[in-house]
Amino acid sequence: PSASATWVLAGVLVFLLCCVCAYFAIHVLAQFLKGSAADMEESEDEEPSGSPEAKQNKEKMRAAAAAKQNPLLRFVGQAKKILVRRALPIVQEAEDEKFFLQWSVHSNKVSLVS
């Protein structure tokens, strides 16, 4: 093959390799955001049970632990929360786009639940 054909083929291969690397990076980012969003939802859904005094004590312990934390780690944690809250709507599907397939062992049909 000629030199120009070799260069064109090499360029195409480099382009495809870059596309694969970009896809991998986006996939890793999406998985990170998915895990972080699930963690944030769990922490927001947790309600301390018991008396109001127990709730206040738990809040005080949480505040004391946050005060003892390294300022750099606190900054990184806040930056992570902000990043997740801003980037999550970009990669998360809307509620009207979510579909679930429902099936049963006792029936031969599959139903689509939206």
Foldseek 3Di string as FASTA:
>chain_A
DDPVVVVVVVVVVVVVVVVVVVVVVVVVVVVVLVVVVVVVVVVVPDDDDDDPVVVVVVVVVVVVVLVPDDPVVVVVVVVVVVVSVVCVVVPDDDPVPDWDWDDDPVDPDIDIDD
